[in-house]
Amino acid sequence: MKFTKMHGIGNDYIYFNCLDNDIKDPNGLSIALSDRHFGVGGDGIVMIMRSKVADFRMRMFNADGSEGKMCGNATRCIGKYVYEKGLTDKTEFTLETLGGIKVLKLNVSDGKVISVTVDMGKAILKPADIPVLLDGDCIVSKKTMLAGKEHEITCVSMGNPHCVIFTKDIDNLNLEKIGPDYENDPIFPERVNTEFVEIIDNKTLKMRVWERGSGETWACGTGASAVCVAAVLNGICDYDTDVLVKLRGGDLTINYKKDCTVYMTGPATFVFDGELEKEFDIYA
């Protein structure tokens, strides 16, 4: 019943070593433990599991109990977790997610993981595969009625769906009020993560994110990746160039290659280890 609290630039999850045990009700456990007043507090839970097709497998659940396909910040935290807790001695390994198999490269110094670079895979742009109910081969700066307003939106999937909106003065957006309208708009059949992005220059972007199932989070690795892809597709940034994406919890470096592969580099941080009371009968 032990757990580890970790965060990737403020995107915090509760991690469980499930290599030898499975959690019988991860949906309910995520709801209970994510509560910041009555639980551990976090954006959800992450289970580190055995895999038949990769070195490790992850399952992640949002604060509302829904299962997510992929979380970039969680992948980096898993890299730090499995290396520093002695579950692997590899500095490059594969991780199975519902968004595909990811390759992690660890930057290690004196036995500590300083940063992790994740091959996030290829950006998905086909509307039906994101999914978004709009016509066209891809959705780039497309004028669309969304959440009751007309926006120019760019849609990308990084294993989970993202809607990117370039705008100004993002610090003054009331995401708690407007976020749910974007998340649950009918054009997104599986709901959507929405990124509001301010352009600093052609190598620097600032963003806030409303994540489906969790609300506004301090960071989103797949969101930062989608934002970089959207910026390149809109001619703001260049292919094969490191782009600094500034989130509320810190910075990530994203590189969108001409073959459509995205690389994300950033830190991961241990917060504390803990143990649940026996009333949490969690293991199957």
Protein backbone atom coordinates (compact mmCIF):
# COMPACT_ATOMS: atom_id res chain seq x y z
CA MET A 1 0.00 0.00 0.00
CA LYS A 2 2.97 2.28 -0.49
CA PHE A 3 2.94 5.14 -2.98
CA THR A 4 5.22 7.89 -4.25
CA LYS A 5 4.17 11.46 -4.94
CA MET A 6 6.00 12.98 -7.93
CA HIS A 7 5.57 15.92 -10.25
CA GLY A 8 6.76 17.03 -13.64
CA ILE A 9 6.93 20.85 -13.44
CA GLY A 10 3.83 20.91 -11.28
CA ASN A 11 1.79 18.20 -13.00
CA ASP A 12 1.55 15.94 -9.93
CA TYR A 13 0.48 12.33 -9.73
CA ILE A 14 0.49 9.55 -7.16
CA TYR A 15 2.63 6.62 -8.37
CA PHE A 16 2.18 2.95 -7.52
CA ASN A 17 4.60 0.10 -8.17
CA CYS A 18 2.27 -2.48 -9.71
CA LEU A 19 4.93 -4.80 -11.11
CA ASP A 20 3.70 -7.56 -8.81
CA ASN A 21 0.28 -6.26 -7.76
CA ASP A 22 -2.72 -4.83 -9.61
CA ILE A 23 -5.14 -2.21 -8.27
CA LYS A 24 -8.71 -3.45 -8.33
CA ASP A 25 -10.48 -0.08 -8.57
CA PRO A 26 -8.06 2.48 -10.00
CA ASN A 27 -10.91 4.78 -11.05
CA GLY A 28 -12.28 5.07 -7.52
CA LEU A 29 -8.83 5.23 -5.96
CA SER A 30 -7.83 8.10 -8.24
CA ILE A 31 -10.91 10.10 -7.24
CA ALA A 32 -10.29 9.49 -3.54
CA LEU A 33 -6.56 10.14 -3.47
CA SER A 34 -6.54 13.12 -5.86
CA ASP A 35 -8.66 15.17 -3.47
CA ARG A 36 -6.32 17.81 -2.07
CA HIS A 37 -8.27 18.13 1.19
CA PHE A 38 -9.17 14.53 2.05
CA GLY A 39 -6.65 12.53 0.00
CA VAL A 40 -3.00 12.75 -0.96
CA GLY A 41 -3.71 15.44 -3.54
CA GLY A 42 -2.80 15.28 -7.20
CA ASP A 43 -3.93 15.30 -10.81
CA GLY A 44 -4.53 11.55 -10.66
CA ILE A 45 -2.74 8.25 -10.14
CA VAL A 46 -0.18 6.39 -12.25
CA MET A 47 0.39 2.63 -12.17
CA ILE A 48 3.81 1.26 -13.20
CA MET A 49 3.28 -2.25 -14.55
CA ARG A 50 4.93 -5.10 -16.41
CA SER A 51 4.64 -5.16 -20.19
CA LYS A 52 4.79 -7.88 -22.83
CA VAL A 53 5.89 -5.45 -25.55
CA ALA A 54 8.09 -2.91 -23.73
CA ASP A 55 10.33 -2.60 -20.68
CA PHE A 56 7.48 -1.15 -18.59
CA ARG A 57 3.82 -0.24 -18.97
CA MET A 58 1.89 2.68 -17.52
CA ARG A 59 -1.77 3.27 -16.81
CA MET A 60 -2.85 6.70 -15.68
CA PHE A 61 -6.15 7.93 -14.27
CA ASN A 62 -7.31 11.51 -14.01
CA ALA A 63 -8.64 13.18 -10.89
CA ASP A 64 -12.23 12.45 -12.00
CA GLY A 65 -11.47 8.73 -12.33
CA SER A 66 -11.35 8.64 -16.14
CA GLU A 67 -8.45 6.78 -17.72
CA GLY A 68 -6.07 8.80 -19.87
CA LYS A 69 -4.18 7.41 -22.84
CA MET A 70 -0.95 9.30 -22.31
CA CYS A 71 0.74 11.85 -20.04
CA GLY A 72 4.10 13.31 -21.03
CA ASN A 73 4.98 14.56 -17.56
CA ALA A 74 4.13 11.17 -16.05
CA THR A 75 6.40 9.38 -18.51
CA ARG A 76 9.35 11.48 -17.35
CA CYS A 77 8.50 10.77 -13.73
CA ILE A 78 8.35 7.06 -14.46
CA GLY A 79 11.82 7.32 -15.98
CA LYS A 80 13.17 8.81 -12.77
CA TYR A 81 11.17 6.38 -10.58
CA VAL A 82 12.28 3.11 -12.17
CA TYR A 83 15.94 4.17 -12.41
CA GLU A 84 16.42 5.68 -8.98
CA LYS A 85 14.41 2.96 -7.23
CA GLY A 86 16.57 0.28 -8.88
CA LEU A 87 13.91 -1.26 -11.14
CA THR A 88 16.23 -0.84 -14.13
CA ASP A 89 19.81 0.14 -14.81
CA LYS A 90 19.04 1.21 -18.37
CA THR A 91 19.34 4.87 -19.29
CA GLU A 92 17.25 4.26 -22.41
CA PHE A 93 14.16 2.08 -22.33
CA THR A 94 10.64 1.67 -23.70
CA LEU A 95 7.33 2.40 -22.01
CA GLU A 96 3.97 1.03 -23.14
CA THR A 97 1.07 3.49 -22.95
CA LEU A 98 -2.43 3.54 -24.40
CA GLY A 99 -1.03 6.20 -26.74
CA GLY A 100 1.66 3.86 -28.07
CA ILE A 101 5.16 2.76 -27.03
CA LYS A 102 7.40 5.64 -25.98
CA VAL A 103 11.21 5.67 -25.83
CA LEU A 104 12.75 7.39 -22.80
CA LYS A 105 16.34 8.62 -22.58
CA LEU A 106 17.61 9.53 -19.11
CA ASN A 107 20.18 12.23 -18.40
CA VAL A 108 21.89 10.84 -15.29
CA SER A 109 24.47 12.49 -13.04
CA ASP A 110 25.84 10.89 -9.84
CA GLY A 111 23.07 8.30 -9.90
CA LYS A 112 20.29 10.87 -10.14
CA VAL A 113 18.06 11.49 -13.15
CA ILE A 114 18.45 15.19 -14.01
CA SER A 115 16.13 15.26 -17.00
CA VAL A 116 14.34 12.89 -19.35
CA THR A 117 13.87 13.10 -23.11
CA VAL A 118 10.81 11.27 -24.38
CA ASP A 119 10.19 10.26 -27.98
CA MET A 120 6.51 11.19 -27.98
CA GLY A 121 5.90 9.52 -31.34
CA LYS A 122 4.41 11.12 -34.41
CA ALA A 123 1.84 13.89 -34.16
CA ILE A 124 -1.58 12.75 -35.38
CA LEU A 125 -3.34 15.32 -37.56
CA LYS A 126 -6.16 13.42 -39.26
CA PRO A 127 -9.43 14.72 -37.74
CA ALA A 128 -11.04 11.30 -37.39
CA ASP A 129 -8.03 10.00 -35.48
CA ILE A 130 -7.80 12.93 -33.02
CA PRO A 131 -10.90 12.81 -32.92
CA VAL A 132 -12.63 16.05 -33.92
CA LEU A 133 -15.82 16.27 -35.96
CA LEU A 134 -14.59 18.69 -38.62
CA ASP A 135 -13.92 18.18 -42.33
CA GLY A 136 -10.51 18.35 -43.97
CA ASP A 137 -7.21 16.49 -44.05
CA CYS A 138 -6.04 18.42 -40.97
CA ILE A 139 -7.35 21.22 -38.74
CA VAL A 140 -4.88 24.11 -38.86
CA SER A 141 -6.00 27.65 -37.97
CA LYS A 142 -9.55 26.69 -38.89
CA LYS A 143 -12.29 29.17 -37.99
CA THR A 144 -14.70 27.24 -35.81
CA MET A 145 -17.53 27.96 -33.40
CA LEU A 146 -16.26 26.52 -30.15
CA ALA A 147 -17.68 27.04 -26.66
CA GLY A 148 -20.07 29.62 -28.10
CA LYS A 149 -17.33 31.76 -29.76
CA GLU A 150 -15.53 31.77 -33.07
CA HIS A 151 -11.89 30.71 -32.78
CA GLU A 152 -9.08 29.77 -35.12
CA ILE A 153 -8.20 26.33 -33.83
CA THR A 154 -5.47 23.80 -34.58
CA CYS A 155 -6.13 20.20 -33.54
CA VAL A 156 -3.47 17.60 -32.79
CA SER A 157 -3.39 14.23 -31.09
CA MET A 158 -0.31 13.16 -29.14
CA GLY A 159 -2.03 9.95 -28.05
CA ASN A 160 -4.78 12.14 -26.59
CA PRO A 161 -6.75 14.96 -28.25
CA HIS A 162 -5.64 18.61 -28.10
CA CYS A 163 -7.16 21.85 -29.34
CA VAL A 164 -4.66 24.72 -29.59
CA ILE A 165 -5.78 28.35 -29.62
CA PHE A 166 -3.26 31.15 -30.14
CA THR A 167 -4.36 34.24 -28.26
CA LYS A 168 -3.11 37.08 -26.03
CA ASP A 169 -3.16 37.91 -22.33
CA ILE A 170 -3.57 34.30 -21.24
CA ASP A 171 -2.79 35.17 -17.63
CA ASN A 172 -6.18 36.82 -17.30
CA LEU A 173 -8.23 33.95 -18.72
CA ASN A 174 -10.74 32.51 -16.26
CA LEU A 175 -10.14 28.87 -17.12
CA GLU A 176 -12.21 27.59 -14.20
CA LYS A 177 -15.23 29.20 -15.82
CA ILE A 178 -14.59 28.66 -19.51
CA GLY A 179 -12.55 25.43 -19.47
CA PRO A 180 -15.44 22.96 -19.16
CA ASP A 181 -17.20 24.49 -22.19
CA TYR A 182 -14.17 23.76 -24.37
CA GLU A 183 -13.56 20.32 -22.88
CA ASN A 184 -17.12 19.17 -23.51
CA ASP A 185 -17.89 20.87 -26.83
CA PRO A 186 -19.83 18.46 -29.12
CA ILE A 187 -17.19 18.61 -31.88
CA PHE A 188 -14.90 16.55 -29.60
CA PRO A 189 -16.55 13.12 -29.11
CA GLU A 190 -13.93 12.04 -26.55
CA ARG A 191 -13.66 15.49 -24.91
CA VAL A 192 -10.48 17.49 -25.42
CA ASN A 193 -7.48 19.14 -23.75
CA THR A 194 -7.43 22.84 -24.62
CA GLU A 195 -4.24 24.91 -24.79
CA PHE A 196 -4.33 28.71 -24.81
CA VAL A 197 -1.02 29.97 -26.19
CA GLU A 198 0.78 33.31 -26.24
CA ILE A 199 3.61 33.77 -28.76
CA ILE A 200 6.77 35.23 -27.19
CA ASP A 201 9.01 34.71 -30.24
CA ASN A 202 9.73 32.03 -32.84
CA LYS A 203 11.45 29.82 -30.25
CA THR A 204 9.42 30.61 -27.14
CA LEU A 205 5.74 29.97 -26.37
CA LYS A 206 3.73 30.48 -23.20
CA MET A 207 0.69 28.33 -22.50
CA ARG A 208 -2.06 27.45 -20.08
CA VAL A 209 -3.95 24.20 -20.34
CA TRP A 210 -7.37 22.88 -19.39
CA GLU A 211 -7.08 19.09 -19.25
CA ARG A 212 -10.04 16.81 -19.73
CA GLY A 213 -10.81 15.07 -16.47
CA SER A 214 -8.50 17.20 -14.33
CA GLY A 215 -9.21 20.88 -15.04
CA GLU A 216 -6.38 23.38 -15.24
CA THR A 217 -3.04 21.76 -14.49
CA TRP A 218 0.31 23.44 -13.99
CA ALA A 219 1.84 21.49 -16.83
CA CYS A 220 0.95 19.07 -19.62
CA GLY A 221 3.68 17.32 -21.61
CA THR A 222 1.44 16.12 -24.42
CA GLY A 223 -0.12 19.60 -24.46
CA ALA A 224 3.24 21.31 -24.80
CA SER A 225 4.07 18.88 -27.60
CA ALA A 226 0.80 19.65 -29.37
CA VAL A 227 1.43 23.38 -28.97
CA CYS A 228 4.84 23.10 -30.63
CA VAL A 229 3.35 21.08 -33.49
CA ALA A 230 0.59 23.66 -33.92
CA ALA A 231 3.10 26.50 -33.89
CA VAL A 232 5.16 24.86 -36.65
CA LEU A 233 2.06 24.12 -38.73
CA ASN A 234 1.01 27.77 -38.37
CA GLY A 235 4.43 29.05 -39.44
CA ILE A 236 5.29 30.47 -36.01
CA CYS A 237 8.14 28.08 -35.21
CA ASP A 238 10.41 25.91 -37.36
CA TYR A 239 10.84 22.18 -37.76
CA ASP A 240 13.91 20.55 -36.16
CA THR A 241 14.26 23.43 -33.70
CA ASP A 242 14.20 23.38 -29.90
CA VAL A 243 11.19 25.39 -28.75
CA LEU A 244 10.91 26.50 -25.13
CA VAL A 245 7.34 26.08 -23.91
CA LYS A 246 6.66 27.97 -20.70
CA LEU A 247 3.94 26.49 -18.49
CA ARG A 248 2.69 27.58 -15.08
CA GLY A 249 4.85 24.97 -13.34
CA GLY A 250 8.02 25.40 -15.39
CA ASP A 251 9.52 24.96 -18.83
CA LEU A 252 9.71 22.11 -21.34
CA THR A 253 11.82 21.88 -24.47
CA ILE A 254 9.97 20.48 -27.49
CA ASN A 255 11.38 19.61 -30.91
CA TYR A 256 9.07 18.76 -33.84
CA LYS A 257 10.94 16.91 -36.56
CA LYS A 258 10.15 16.96 -40.27
CA ASP A 259 9.18 13.28 -40.06
CA CYS A 260 6.41 14.42 -37.63
CA THR A 261 8.09 12.89 -34.56
CA VAL A 262 8.03 15.00 -31.40
CA TYR A 263 10.72 14.99 -28.69
CA MET A 264 10.05 16.39 -25.22
CA THR A 265 12.75 17.14 -22.64
CA GLY A 266 12.18 18.20 -19.05
CA PRO A 267 12.72 17.42 -15.37
CA ALA A 268 10.97 15.05 -12.97
CA THR A 269 10.82 15.49 -9.21
CA PHE A 270 10.25 13.21 -6.22
CA VAL A 271 8.04 14.85 -3.56
CA PHE A 272 7.65 12.11 -0.94
CA ASP A 273 6.95 8.45 -0.31
CA GLY A 274 3.91 7.46 1.73
CA GLU A 275 1.78 4.58 2.88
CA LEU A 276 -2.00 4.29 2.73
CA GLU A 277 -4.11 3.37 5.72
CA LYS A 278 -5.47 -0.17 5.60
CA GLU A 279 -8.98 1.19 4.92
CA PHE A 280 -7.75 1.65 1.34
CA ASP A 281 -8.07 -1.97 0.27
CA ILE A 282 -6.57 -1.26 -3.13
CA TYR A 283 -4.93 -4.41 -4.48
CA ALA A 284 -6.78 -6.95 -6.56
